[in-house]
Amino acid sequence: MISNWDRYMVLISAVLVMSILPAATAEDRSYDPLAISATAKLDTLDLTVKDTDRVREIPLRVYLPTATDPAAVILFSHGLGGSRENNPYLGSHWSARGYVVVFLQHAGSDETVWKDL
């Protein structure tokens, strides 16, 4: 059987937790995980790579970080009907944090898939 003291302690604990939650959520609202520093200079490079084996061109968009040191590469593949122009906020976010980001456009599954519909 639960005593009145145990019920009282559970109630006090619940009130304390509930009083802390608004302060934590107010702090979270001021944080923007995708914010990019105003001083960050982000470069993009659009280019096309030729696939001679399959006789086709592969459009790329490369987001370059400001640092010239060697960097890890993120290869981003759009979904069906997308293109290298989609999701620029991801390319900017990752490159601002030091990654080289390559957006690859897939021929046949890019935005041309919707043209005949």
PDB file of N, CA and C in Angstrom:
ATOM      1  N   MET A   1       0.838  -1.168   0.000  1.00  0.00           N
ATOM      2  CA  MET A   1       0.000   0.000   0.000  1.00  0.00           C
ATOM      3  C   MET A   1       0.893   1.245   0.000  1.00  0.00           C
ATOM      4  N   ILE A   2       0.486   2.237  -0.762  1.00  0.00           N
ATOM      5  CA  ILE A   2       1.249   3.480  -0.869  1.00  0.00           C
ATOM      6  C   ILE A   2       0.812   4.419   0.249  1.00  0.00           C
ATOM      7  N   SER A   3       1.786   4.916   0.975  1.00  0.00           N
ATOM      8  CA  SER A   3       1.476   5.814   2.090  1.00  0.00           C
ATOM      9  C   SER A   3       1.209   7.223   1.570  1.00  0.00           C
ATOM     10  N   ASN A   4       0.607   8.021   2.422  1.00  0.00           N
ATOM     11  CA  ASN A   4       0.358   9.421   2.068  1.00  0.00           C
ATOM     12  C   ASN A   4       1.670  10.159   1.833  1.00  0.00           C
ATOM     13  N   TRP A   5       2.701   9.811   2.572  1.00  0.00           N
ATOM     14  CA  TRP A   5       4.014  10.437   2.411  1.00  0.00           C
ATOM     15  C   TRP A   5       4.561  10.164   1.010  1.00  0.00           C
ATOM     16  N   ASP A   6       4.442   8.926   0.525  1.00  0.00           N
ATOM     17  CA  ASP A   6       4.911   8.579  -0.818  1.00  0.00           C
ATOM     18  C   ASP A   6       4.142   9.366  -1.880  1.00  0.00           C
ATOM     19  N   ARG A   7       2.839   9.477  -1.706  1.00  0.00           N
ATOM     20  CA  ARG A   7       2.028  10.256  -2.652  1.00  0.00           C
ATOM     21  C   ARG A   7       2.458  11.723  -2.644  1.00  0.00           C
ATOM     22  N   TYR A   8       2.727  12.239  -1.477  1.00  0.00           N
ATOM     23  CA  TYR A   8       3.164  13.628  -1.339  1.00  0.00           C
ATOM     24  C   TYR A   8       4.498  13.841  -2.054  1.00  0.00           C
ATOM     25  N   MET A   9       5.432  12.927  -1.898  1.00  0.00           N
ATOM     26  CA  MET A   9       6.746  13.045  -2.538  1.00  0.00           C
ATOM     27  C   MET A   9       6.628  12.961  -4.069  1.00  0.00           C
ATOM     28  N   VAL A  10       5.760  12.094  -4.567  1.00  0.00           N
ATOM     29  CA  VAL A  10       5.538  11.997  -6.012  1.00  0.00           C
ATOM     30  C   VAL A  10       4.952  13.306  -6.531  1.00  0.00           C
ATOM     31  N   LEU A  11       4.002  13.870  -5.810  1.00  0.00           N
ATOM     32  CA  LEU A  11       3.388  15.137  -6.211  1.00  0.00           C
ATOM     33  C   LEU A  11       4.416  16.265  -6.226  1.00  0.00           C
ATOM     34  N   ILE A  12       5.241  16.358  -5.201  1.00  0.00           N
ATOM     35  CA  ILE A  12       6.280  17.394  -5.136  1.00  0.00           C
ATOM     36  C   ILE A  12       7.273  17.217  -6.284  1.00  0.00           C
ATOM     37  N   SER A  13       7.663  15.991  -6.558  1.00  0.00           N
ATOM     38  CA  SER A  13       8.603  15.721  -7.660  1.00  0.00           C
ATOM     39  C   SER A  13       8.002  16.137  -8.995  1.00  0.00           C
ATOM     40  N   ALA A  14       6.738  15.821  -9.206  1.00  0.00           N
ATOM     41  CA  ALA A  14       6.075  16.181 -10.460  1.00  0.00           C
ATOM     42  C   ALA A  14       5.998  17.696 -10.621  1.00  0.00           C
ATOM     43  N   VAL A  15       5.684  18.403  -9.541  1.00  0.00           N
ATOM     44  CA  VAL A  15       5.609  19.868  -9.595  1.00  0.00           C
ATOM     45  C   VAL A  15       6.978  20.461  -9.918  1.00  0.00           C
ATOM     46  N   LEU A  16       8.030  19.931  -9.320  1.00  0.00           N
ATOM     47  CA  LEU A  16       9.379  20.430  -9.602  1.00  0.00           C
ATOM     48  C   LEU A  16       9.762  20.210 -11.064  1.00  0.00           C
ATOM     49  N   VAL A  17       9.484  19.029 -11.580  1.00  0.00           N
ATOM     50  CA  VAL A  17       9.805  18.737 -12.986  1.00  0.00           C
ATOM     51  C   VAL A  17       9.021  19.662 -13.903  1.00  0.00           C
ATOM     52  N   MET A  18       7.746  19.847 -13.637  1.00  0.00           N
ATOM     53  CA  MET A  18       6.915  20.704 -14.485  1.00  0.00           C
ATOM     54  C   MET A  18       7.353  22.168 -14.415  1.00  0.00           C
ATOM     55  N   SER A  19       7.902  22.594 -13.297  1.00  0.00           N
ATOM     56  CA  SER A  19       8.353  23.984 -13.193  1.00  0.00           C
ATOM     57  C   SER A  19       9.669  24.211 -13.927  1.00  0.00           C
ATOM     58  N   ILE A  20      10.447  23.177 -14.125  1.00  0.00           N
ATOM     59  CA  ILE A  20      11.725  23.294 -14.833  1.00  0.00           C
ATOM     60  C   ILE A  20      11.524  23.265 -16.347  1.00  0.00           C
ATOM     61  N   LEU A  21      10.529  22.554 -16.836  1.00  0.00           N
ATOM     62  CA  LEU A  21      10.318  22.394 -18.280  1.00  0.00           C
ATOM     63  C   LEU A  21      10.162  23.707 -19.040  1.00  0.00           C
ATOM     64  N   PRO A  22       9.363  24.673 -18.578  1.00  0.00           N
ATOM     65  CA  PRO A  22       9.256  25.924 -19.349  1.00  0.00           C
ATOM     66  C   PRO A  22      10.585  26.645 -19.519  1.00  0.00           C
ATOM     67  N   ALA A  23      11.437  26.612 -18.529  1.00  0.00           N
ATOM     68  CA  ALA A  23      12.745  27.267 -18.642  1.00  0.00           C
ATOM     69  C   ALA A  23      13.601  26.573 -19.687  1.00  0.00           C
ATOM     70  N   ALA A  24      13.544  25.264 -19.744  1.00  0.00           N
ATOM     71  CA  ALA A  24      14.337  24.521 -20.727  1.00  0.00           C
ATOM     72  C   ALA A  24      13.831  24.775 -22.137  1.00  0.00           C
ATOM     73  N   THR A  25      12.521  24.819 -22.337  1.00  0.00           N
ATOM     74  CA  THR A  25      11.999  25.051 -23.681  1.00  0.00           C
ATOM     75  C   THR A  25      12.231  26.485 -24.128  1.00  0.00           C
ATOM     76  N   ALA A  26      12.218  27.448 -23.228  1.00  0.00           N
ATOM     77  CA  ALA A  26      12.499  28.837 -23.602  1.00  0.00           C
ATOM     78  C   ALA A  26      13.929  28.976 -24.093  1.00  0.00           C
ATOM     79  N   GLU A  27      14.850  28.278 -23.479  1.00  0.00           N
ATOM     80  CA  GLU A  27      16.245  28.331 -23.907  1.00  0.00           C
ATOM     81  C   GLU A  27      16.406  27.684 -25.283  1.00  0.00           C
ATOM     82  N   ASP A  28      15.683  26.606 -25.545  1.00  0.00           N
ATOM     83  CA  ASP A  28      15.786  25.909 -26.823  1.00  0.00           C
ATOM     84  C   ASP A  28      15.289  26.767 -27.981  1.00  0.00           C
ATOM     85  N   ARG A  29      14.315  27.640 -27.745  1.00  0.00           N
ATOM     86  CA  ARG A  29      13.769  28.460 -28.825  1.00  0.00           C
ATOM     87  C   ARG A  29      14.793  29.428 -29.396  1.00  0.00           C
ATOM     88  N   SER A  30      15.753  29.831 -28.613  1.00  0.00           N
ATOM     89  CA  SER A  30      16.742  30.786 -29.094  1.00  0.00           C
ATOM     90  C   SER A  30      17.852  30.113 -29.890  1.00  0.00           C
ATOM     91  N   TYR A  31      17.931  28.798 -29.874  1.00  0.00           N
ATOM     92  CA  TYR A  31      18.986  28.072 -30.576  1.00  0.00           C
ATOM     93  C   TYR A  31      18.492  27.642 -31.945  1.00  0.00           C
ATOM     94  N   ASP A  32      19.209  28.007 -32.978  1.00  0.00           N
ATOM     95  CA  ASP A  32      18.889  27.589 -34.336  1.00  0.00           C
ATOM     96  C   ASP A  32      20.008  26.681 -34.829  1.00  0.00           C
ATOM     97  N   PRO A  33      19.778  25.372 -34.905  1.00  0.00           N
ATOM     98  CA  PRO A  33      20.854  24.451 -35.279  1.00  0.00           C
ATOM     99  C   PRO A  33      21.346  24.641 -36.708  1.00  0.00           C
ATOM    100  N   LEU A  34      20.560  25.293 -37.556  1.00  0.00           N
ATOM    101  CA  LEU A  34      20.981  25.507 -38.942  1.00  0.00           C
ATOM    102  C   LEU A  34      21.532  26.908 -39.179  1.00  0.00           C
ATOM    103  N   ALA A  35      21.640  27.707 -38.127  1.00  0.00           N
ATOM    104  CA  ALA A  35      22.148  29.070 -38.290  1.00  0.00           C
ATOM    105  C   ALA A  35      23.594  29.049 -38.775  1.00  0.00           C
ATOM    106  N   ILE A  36      23.873  29.940 -39.715  1.00  0.00           N
ATOM    107  CA  ILE A  36      25.219  30.063 -40.273  1.00  0.00           C
ATOM    108  C   ILE A  36      25.753  31.433 -39.883  1.00  0.00           C
ATOM    109  N   SER A  37      26.975  31.464 -39.459  1.00  0.00           N
ATOM    110  CA  SER A  37      27.601  32.714 -39.048  1.00  0.00           C
ATOM    111  C   SER A  37      27.545  33.729 -40.188  1.00  0.00           C
ATOM    112  N   ALA A  38      27.291  34.974 -39.835  1.00  0.00           N
ATOM    113  CA  ALA A  38      27.239  36.038 -40.843  1.00  0.00           C
ATOM    114  C   ALA A  38      28.598  36.241 -41.504  1.00  0.00           C
ATOM    115  N   THR A  39      29.667  35.848 -40.840  1.00  0.00           N
ATOM    116  CA  THR A  39      31.009  36.022 -41.400  1.00  0.00           C
ATOM    117  C   THR A  39      31.433  34.849 -42.281  1.00  0.00           C
ATOM    118  N   ALA A  40      30.656  33.779 -42.280  1.00  0.00           N
ATOM    119  CA  ALA A  40      31.022  32.607 -43.086  1.00  0.00           C
ATOM    120  C   ALA A  40      30.796  32.912 -44.562  1.00  0.00           C
ATOM    121  N   LYS A  41      31.826  32.745 -45.368  1.00  0.00           N
ATOM    122  CA  LYS A  41      31.713  32.933 -46.817  1.00  0.00           C
ATOM    123  C   LYS A  41      31.671  31.545 -47.446  1.00  0.00           C
ATOM    124  N   LEU A  42      30.510  31.198 -47.970  1.00  0.00           N
ATOM    125  CA  LEU A  42      30.319  29.868 -48.525  1.00  0.00           C
ATOM    126  C   LEU A  42      30.375  29.931 -50.045  1.00  0.00           C
ATOM    127  N   ASP A  43      31.179  29.076 -50.629  1.00  0.00           N
ATOM    128  CA  ASP A  43      31.291  29.016 -52.081  1.00  0.00           C
ATOM    129  C   ASP A  43      30.596  27.766 -52.602  1.00  0.00           C
ATOM    130  N   THR A  44      29.923  27.924 -53.749  1.00  0.00           N
ATOM    131  CA  THR A  44      29.350  26.769 -54.434  1.00  0.00           C
ATOM    132  C   THR A  44      29.936  26.705 -55.829  1.00  0.00           C
ATOM    133  N   LEU A  45      30.008  25.510 -56.320  1.00  0.00           N
ATOM    134  CA  LEU A  45      30.565  25.271 -57.638  1.00  0.00           C
ATOM    135  C   LEU A  45      29.641  24.310 -58.366  1.00  0.00           C
ATOM    136  N   ASP A  46      29.083  24.732 -59.503  1.00  0.00           N
ATOM    137  CA  ASP A  46      28.269  23.853 -60.338  1.00  0.00           C
ATOM    138  C   ASP A  46      29.134  23.333 -61.469  1.00  0.00           C
ATOM    139  N   LEU A  47      29.118  22.034 -61.642  1.00  0.00           N
ATOM    140  CA  LEU A  47      29.899  21.446 -62.726  1.00  0.00           C
ATOM    141  C   LEU A  47      29.227  20.178 -63.212  1.00  0.00           C
ATOM    142  N   THR A  48      29.696  19.692 -64.340  1.00  0.00           N
ATOM    143  CA  THR A  48      29.168  18.467 -64.927  1.00  0.00           C
ATOM    144  C   THR A  48      30.315  17.511 -65.189  1.00  0.00           C
ATOM    145  N   VAL A  49      30.135  16.273 -64.744  1.00  0.00           N
ATOM    146  CA  VAL A  49      31.128  15.221 -64.952  1.00  0.00           C
ATOM    147  C   VAL A  49      30.614  14.316 -66.063  1.00  0.00           C
ATOM    148  N   LYS A  50      31.488  13.948 -66.980  1.00  0.00           N
ATOM    149  CA  LYS A  50      31.084  13.077 -68.092  1.00  0.00           C
ATOM    150  C   LYS A  50      31.378  11.624 -67.747  1.00  0.00           C
ATOM    151  N   ASP A  51      30.343  10.796 -67.843  1.00  0.00           N
ATOM    152  CA  ASP A  51      30.464   9.348 -67.650  1.00  0.00           C
ATOM    153  C   ASP A  51      30.565   8.734 -69.042  1.00  0.00           C
ATOM    154  N   THR A  52      31.796   8.459 -69.479  1.00  0.00           N
ATOM    155  CA  THR A  52      32.008   7.963 -70.843  1.00  0.00           C
ATOM    156  C   THR A  52      31.530   6.526 -71.013  1.00  0.00           C
ATOM    157  N   ASP A  53      31.540   5.733 -69.949  1.00  0.00           N
ATOM    158  CA  ASP A  53      31.056   4.350 -70.054  1.00  0.00           C
ATOM    159  C   ASP A  53      29.564   4.292 -70.347  1.00  0.00           C
ATOM    160  N   ARG A  54      28.807   5.174 -69.753  1.00  0.00           N
ATOM    161  CA  ARG A  54      27.352   5.173 -69.937  1.00  0.00           C
ATOM    162  C   ARG A  54      26.893   6.271 -70.896  1.00  0.00           C
ATOM    163  N   VAL A  55      27.826   7.036 -71.405  1.00  0.00           N
ATOM    164  CA  VAL A  55      27.564   8.126 -72.348  1.00  0.00           C
ATOM    165  C   VAL A  55      26.488   9.073 -71.786  1.00  0.00           C
ATOM    166  N   ARG A  56      26.812   9.668 -70.659  1.00  0.00           N
ATOM    167  CA  ARG A  56      25.894  10.640 -70.055  1.00  0.00           C
ATOM    168  C   ARG A  56      26.677  11.631 -69.210  1.00  0.00           C
ATOM    169  N   GLU A  57      26.009  12.710 -68.872  1.00  0.00           N
ATOM    170  CA  GLU A  57      26.603  13.736 -68.028  1.00  0.00           C
ATOM    171  C   GLU A  57      25.948  13.690 -66.650  1.00  0.00           C
ATOM    172  N   ILE A  58      26.751  13.958 -65.634  1.00  0.00           N
ATOM    173  CA  ILE A  58      26.261  13.949 -64.255  1.00  0.00           C
ATOM    174  C   ILE A  58      26.439  15.353 -63.678  1.00  0.00           C
ATOM    175  N   PRO A  59      25.334  16.090 -63.491  1.00  0.00           N
ATOM    176  CA  PRO A  59      25.427  17.423 -62.899  1.00  0.00           C
ATOM    177  C   PRO A  59      25.742  17.330 -61.406  1.00  0.00           C
ATOM    178  N   LEU A  60      26.639  18.186 -60.949  1.00  0.00           N
ATOM    179  CA  LEU A  60      27.030  18.242 -59.542  1.00  0.00           C
ATOM    180  C   LEU A  60      26.946  19.674 -59.040  1.00  0.00           C
ATOM    181  N   ARG A  61      26.657  19.822 -57.780  1.00  0.00           N
ATOM    182  CA  ARG A  61      26.823  21.100 -57.086  1.00  0.00           C
ATOM    183  C   ARG A  61      27.697  20.801 -55.879  1.00  0.00           C
ATOM    184  N   VAL A  62      28.785  21.562 -55.749  1.00  0.00           N
ATOM    185  CA  VAL A  62      29.736  21.356 -54.661  1.00  0.00           C
ATOM    186  C   VAL A  62      29.707  22.582 -53.755  1.00  0.00           C
ATOM    187  N   TYR A  63      29.490  22.347 -52.476  1.00  0.00           N
ATOM    188  CA  TYR A  63      29.550  23.397 -51.455  1.00  0.00           C
ATOM    189  C   TYR A  63      30.917  23.293 -50.800  1.00  0.00           C
ATOM    190  N   LEU A  64      31.666  24.385 -50.845  1.00  0.00           N
ATOM    191  CA  LEU A  64      33.037  24.375 -50.337  1.00  0.00           C
ATOM    192  C   LEU A  64      33.137  25.144 -49.026  1.00  0.00           C
ATOM    193  N   PRO A  65      33.817  24.577 -48.036  1.00  0.00           N
ATOM    194  CA  PRO A  65      34.027  25.313 -46.783  1.00  0.00           C
ATOM    195  C   PRO A  65      35.073  26.404 -46.983  1.00  0.00           C
ATOM    196  N   THR A  66      35.126  27.344 -46.071  1.00  0.00           N
ATOM    197  CA  THR A  66      36.102  28.433 -46.185  1.00  0.00           C
ATOM    198  C   THR A  66      37.514  27.954 -45.902  1.00  0.00           C
ATOM    199  N   ALA A  67      37.669  26.959 -45.049  1.00  0.00           N
ATOM    200  CA  ALA A  67      39.008  26.449 -44.720  1.00  0.00           C
ATOM    201  C   ALA A  67      39.604  25.725 -45.922  1.00  0.00           C
ATOM    202  N   THR A  68      40.908  25.862 -46.081  1.00  0.00           N
ATOM    203  CA  THR A  68      41.586  25.188 -47.195  1.00  0.00           C
ATOM    204  C   THR A  68      42.250  23.894 -46.750  1.00  0.00           C
ATOM    205  N   ASP A  69      42.088  23.538 -45.491  1.00  0.00           N
ATOM    206  CA  ASP A  69      42.639  22.282 -44.984  1.00  0.00           C
ATOM    207  C   ASP A  69      41.875  21.102 -45.595  1.00  0.00           C
ATOM    208  N   PRO A  70      42.489  19.922 -45.616  1.00  0.00           N
ATOM    209  CA  PRO A  70      41.753  18.738 -46.072  1.00  0.00           C
ATOM    210  C   PRO A  70      40.477  18.576 -45.239  1.00  0.00           C
ATOM    211  N   ALA A  71      39.401  18.174 -45.901  1.00  0.00           N
ATOM    212  CA  ALA A  71      38.110  18.072 -45.217  1.00  0.00           C
ATOM    213  C   ALA A  71      37.402  16.791 -45.622  1.00  0.00           C
ATOM    214  N   ALA A  72      36.550  16.332 -44.737  1.00  0.00           N
ATOM    215  CA  ALA A  72      35.700  15.182 -45.042  1.00  0.00           C
ATOM    216  C   ALA A  72      34.680  15.596 -46.098  1.00  0.00           C
ATOM    217  N   VAL A  73      34.206  14.619 -46.865  1.00  0.00           N
ATOM    218  CA  VAL A  73      33.252  14.883 -47.942  1.00  0.00           C
ATOM    219  C   VAL A  73      31.922  14.220 -47.607  1.00  0.00           C
ATOM    220  N   ILE A  74      30.851  14.968 -47.806  1.00  0.00           N
ATOM    221  CA  ILE A  74      29.501  14.422 -47.694  1.00  0.00           C
ATOM    222  C   ILE A  74      28.943  14.353 -49.105  1.00  0.00           C
ATOM    223  N   LEU A  75      28.497  13.180 -49.520  1.00  0.00           N
ATOM    224  CA  LEU A  75      27.868  12.992 -50.826  1.00  0.00           C
ATOM    225  C   LEU A  75      26.368  12.903 -50.588  1.00  0.00           C
ATOM    226  N   PHE A  76      25.625  13.889 -51.109  1.00  0.00           N
ATOM    227  CA  PHE A  76      24.181  13.963 -50.892  1.00  0.00           C
ATOM    228  C   PHE A  76      23.452  13.514 -52.148  1.00  0.00           C
ATOM    229  N   SER A  77      22.533  12.592 -51.979  1.00  0.00           N
ATOM    230  CA  SER A  77      21.742  12.078 -53.091  1.00  0.00           C
ATOM    231  C   SER A  77      20.288  12.503 -52.896  1.00  0.00           C
ATOM    232  N   HIS A  78      19.763  13.279 -53.833  1.00  0.00           N
ATOM    233  CA  HIS A  78      18.373  13.726 -53.742  1.00  0.00           C
ATOM    234  C   HIS A  78      17.433  12.539 -53.935  1.00  0.00           C
ATOM    235  N   GLY A  79      16.228  12.715 -53.550  1.00  0.00           N
ATOM    236  CA  GLY A  79      15.221  11.680 -53.750  1.00  0.00           C
ATOM    237  C   GLY A  79      14.620  11.763 -55.142  1.00  0.00           C
ATOM    238  N   LEU A  80      13.641  10.922 -55.399  1.00  0.00           N
ATOM    239  CA  LEU A  80      12.980  10.870 -56.699  1.00  0.00           C
ATOM    240  C   LEU A  80      12.406  12.237 -57.051  1.00  0.00           C
ATOM    241  N   GLY A  81      12.725  12.704 -58.239  1.00  0.00           N
ATOM    242  CA  GLY A  81      12.205  13.973 -58.716  1.00  0.00           C
ATOM    243  C   GLY A  81      12.977  15.191 -58.252  1.00  0.00           C
ATOM    244  N   GLY A  82      14.106  14.993 -57.615  1.00  0.00           N
ATOM    245  CA  GLY A  82      14.895  16.111 -57.109  1.00  0.00           C
ATOM    246  C   GLY A  82      15.984  16.517 -58.080  1.00  0.00           C
ATOM    247  N   SER A  83      16.839  17.409 -57.628  1.00  0.00           N
ATOM    248  CA  SER A  83      17.966  17.847 -58.443  1.00  0.00           C
ATOM    249  C   SER A  83      19.069  18.360 -57.525  1.00  0.00           C
ATOM    250  N   ARG A  84      20.174  18.763 -58.123  1.00  0.00           N
ATOM    251  CA  ARG A  84      21.284  19.292 -57.329  1.00  0.00           C
ATOM    252  C   ARG A  84      20.935  20.629 -56.682  1.00  0.00           C
ATOM    253  N   GLU A  85      19.882  21.293 -57.158  1.00  0.00           N
ATOM    254  CA  GLU A  85      19.462  22.570 -56.583  1.00  0.00           C
ATOM    255  C   GLU A  85      18.627  22.403 -55.317  1.00  0.00           C
ATOM    256  N   ASN A  86      18.121  21.202 -55.044  1.00  0.00           N
ATOM    257  CA  ASN A  86      17.285  20.973 -53.871  1.00  0.00           C
ATOM    258  C   ASN A  86      18.102  20.993 -52.582  1.00  0.00           C
ATOM    259  N   ASN A  87      17.468  21.354 -51.500  1.00  0.00           N
ATOM    260  CA  ASN A  87      18.035  21.316 -50.145  1.00  0.00           C
ATOM    261  C   ASN A  87      19.312  22.131 -49.969  1.00  0.00           C
ATOM    262  N   PRO A  88      19.373  23.368 -50.464  1.00  0.00           N
ATOM    263  CA  PRO A  88      20.599  24.148 -50.298  1.00  0.00           C
ATOM    264  C   PRO A  88      20.930  24.446 -48.838  1.00  0.00           C
ATOM    265  N   TYR A  89      19.915  24.446 -47.973  1.00  0.00           N
ATOM    266  CA  TYR A  89      20.184  24.703 -46.555  1.00  0.00           C
ATOM    267  C   TYR A  89      21.076  23.616 -45.956  1.00  0.00           C
ATOM    268  N   LEU A  90      20.969  22.382 -46.451  1.00  0.00           N
ATOM    269  CA  LEU A  90      21.839  21.312 -45.951  1.00  0.00           C
ATOM    270  C   LEU A  90      23.274  21.513 -46.424  1.00  0.00           C
ATOM    271  N   GLY A  91      23.443  21.840 -47.706  1.00  0.00           N
ATOM    272  CA  GLY A  91      24.788  22.084 -48.219  1.00  0.00           C
ATOM    273  C   GLY A  91      25.464  23.236 -47.500  1.00  0.00           C
ATOM    274  N   SER A  92      24.721  24.312 -47.269  1.00  0.00           N
ATOM    275  CA  SER A  92      25.272  25.471 -46.556  1.00  0.00           C
ATOM    276  C   SER A  92      25.605  25.122 -45.111  1.00  0.00           C
ATOM    277  N   HIS A  93      24.707  24.395 -44.469  1.00  0.00           N
ATOM    278  CA  HIS A  93      24.912  24.003 -43.067  1.00  0.00           C
ATOM    279  C   HIS A  93      26.174  23.159 -42.920  1.00  0.00           C
ATOM    280  N   TRP A  94      26.319  22.145 -43.751  1.00  0.00           N
ATOM    281  CA  TRP A  94      27.470  21.246 -43.641  1.00  0.00           C
ATOM    282  C   TRP A  94      28.775  21.941 -44.031  1.00  0.00           C
ATOM    283  N   SER A  95      28.752  22.732 -45.099  1.00  0.00           N
ATOM    284  CA  SER A  95      29.996  23.389 -45.516  1.00  0.00           C
ATOM    285  C   SER A  95      30.423  24.455 -44.506  1.00  0.00           C
ATOM    286  N   ALA A  96      29.462  25.117 -43.860  1.00  0.00           N
ATOM    287  CA  ALA A  96      29.807  26.099 -42.828  1.00  0.00           C
ATOM    288  C   ALA A  96      30.483  25.432 -41.635  1.00  0.00           C
ATOM    289  N   ARG A  97      30.304  24.142 -41.509  1.00  0.00           N
ATOM    290  CA  ARG A  97      30.923  23.388 -40.423  1.00  0.00           C
ATOM    291  C   ARG A  97      32.152  22.614 -40.877  1.00  0.00           C
ATOM    292  N   GLY A  98      32.656  22.948 -42.076  1.00  0.00           N
ATOM    293  CA  GLY A  98      33.950  22.429 -42.504  1.00  0.00           C
ATOM    294  C   GLY A  98      33.938  21.253 -43.453  1.00  0.00           C
ATOM    295  N   TYR A  99      32.773  20.818 -43.908  1.00  0.00           N
ATOM    296  CA  TYR A  99      32.703  19.691 -44.835  1.00  0.00           C
ATOM    297  C   TYR A  99      32.677  20.177 -46.283  1.00  0.00           C
ATOM    298  N   VAL A 100      33.226  19.375 -47.181  1.00  0.00           N
ATOM    299  CA  VAL A 100      32.996  19.558 -48.611  1.00  0.00           C
ATOM    300  C   VAL A 100      31.741  18.749 -48.909  1.00  0.00           C
ATOM    301  N   VAL A 101      30.750  19.378 -49.541  1.00  0.00           N
ATOM    302  CA  VAL A 101      29.468  18.714 -49.762  1.00  0.00           C
ATOM    303  C   VAL A 101      29.207  18.637 -51.259  1.00  0.00           C
ATOM    304  N   VAL A 102      28.959  17.431 -51.754  1.00  0.00           N
ATOM    305  CA  VAL A 102      28.703  17.210 -53.173  1.00  0.00           C
ATOM    306  C   VAL A 102      27.259  16.752 -53.336  1.00  0.00           C
ATOM    307  N   PHE A 103      26.473  17.546 -54.076  1.00  0.00           N
ATOM    308  CA  PHE A 103      25.103  17.173 -54.410  1.00  0.00           C
ATOM    309  C   PHE A 103      25.124  16.586 -55.814  1.00  0.00           C
ATOM    310  N   LEU A 104      24.764  15.338 -55.917  1.00  0.00           N
ATOM    311  CA  LEU A 104      24.789  14.589 -57.169  1.00  0.00           C
ATOM    312  C   LEU A 104      23.379  14.536 -57.739  1.00  0.00           C
ATOM    313  N   GLN A 105      23.233  14.845 -59.020  1.00  0.00           N
ATOM    314  CA  GLN A 105      21.924  14.770 -59.668  1.00  0.00           C
ATOM    315  C   GLN A 105      21.865  13.510 -60.516  1.00  0.00           C
ATOM    316  N   HIS A 106      20.839  12.699 -60.300  1.00  0.00           N
ATOM    317  CA  HIS A 106      20.702  11.417 -60.995  1.00  0.00           C
ATOM    318  C   HIS A 106      19.866  11.579 -62.261  1.00  0.00           C
ATOM    319  N   ALA A 107      20.462  11.294 -63.395  1.00  0.00           N
ATOM    320  CA  ALA A 107      19.718  11.348 -64.655  1.00  0.00           C
ATOM    321  C   ALA A 107      18.634  10.273 -64.644  1.00  0.00           C
ATOM    322  N   GLY A 108      17.425  10.651 -65.027  1.00  0.00           N
ATOM    323  CA  GLY A 108      16.323   9.702 -65.074  1.00  0.00           C
ATOM    324  C   GLY A 108      15.495   9.660 -63.806  1.00  0.00           C
ATOM    325  N   SER A 109      16.073  10.043 -62.686  1.00  0.00           N
ATOM    326  CA  SER A 109      15.286  10.112 -61.450  1.00  0.00           C
ATOM    327  C   SER A 109      15.294  11.529 -60.888  1.00  0.00           C
ATOM    328  N   ASP A 110      15.717  12.493 -61.713  1.00  0.00           N
ATOM    329  CA  ASP A 110      15.705  13.891 -61.289  1.00  0.00           C
ATOM    330  C   ASP A 110      14.349  14.507 -61.628  1.00  0.00           C
ATOM    331  N   GLU A 111      14.276  15.841 -61.719  1.00  0.00           N
ATOM    332  CA  GLU A 111      12.982  16.495 -61.953  1.00  0.00           C
ATOM    333  C   GLU A 111      12.373  16.161 -63.310  1.00  0.00           C
ATOM    334  N   THR A 112      13.153  15.619 -64.243  1.00  0.00           N
ATOM    335  CA  THR A 112      12.602  15.251 -65.552  1.00  0.00           C
ATOM    336  C   THR A 112      11.613  14.096 -65.452  1.00  0.00           C
ATOM    337  N   VAL A 113      11.622  13.366 -64.351  1.00  0.00           N
ATOM    338  CA  VAL A 113      10.693  12.253 -64.178  1.00  0.00           C
ATOM    339  C   VAL A 113       9.243  12.751 -64.163  1.00  0.00           C
ATOM    340  N   TRP A 114       9.023  14.029 -63.793  1.00  0.00           N
ATOM    341  CA  TRP A 114       7.673  14.576 -63.695  1.00  0.00           C
ATOM    342  C   TRP A 114       7.215  15.265 -64.983  1.00  0.00           C
ATOM    343  N   LYS A 115       8.094  15.439 -65.952  1.00  0.00           N
ATOM    344  CA  LYS A 115       7.767  16.231 -67.155  1.00  0.00           C
ATOM    345  C   LYS A 115       6.666  15.594 -68.008  1.00  0.00           C
ATOM    346  N   ASP A 116       6.610  14.278 -68.082  1.00  0.00           N
ATOM    347  CA  ASP A 116       5.636  13.613 -68.952  1.00  0.00           C
ATOM    348  C   ASP A 116       4.308  13.318 -68.260  1.00  0.00           C
ATOM    349  N   LEU A 117       4.174  13.680 -67.001  1.00  0.00           N
ATOM    350  CA  LEU A 117       2.933  13.372 -66.272  1.00  0.00           C
ATOM    351  C   LEU A 117       1.876  14.405 -66.511  1.00  0.00           C
TER     352      LEU A 117
END
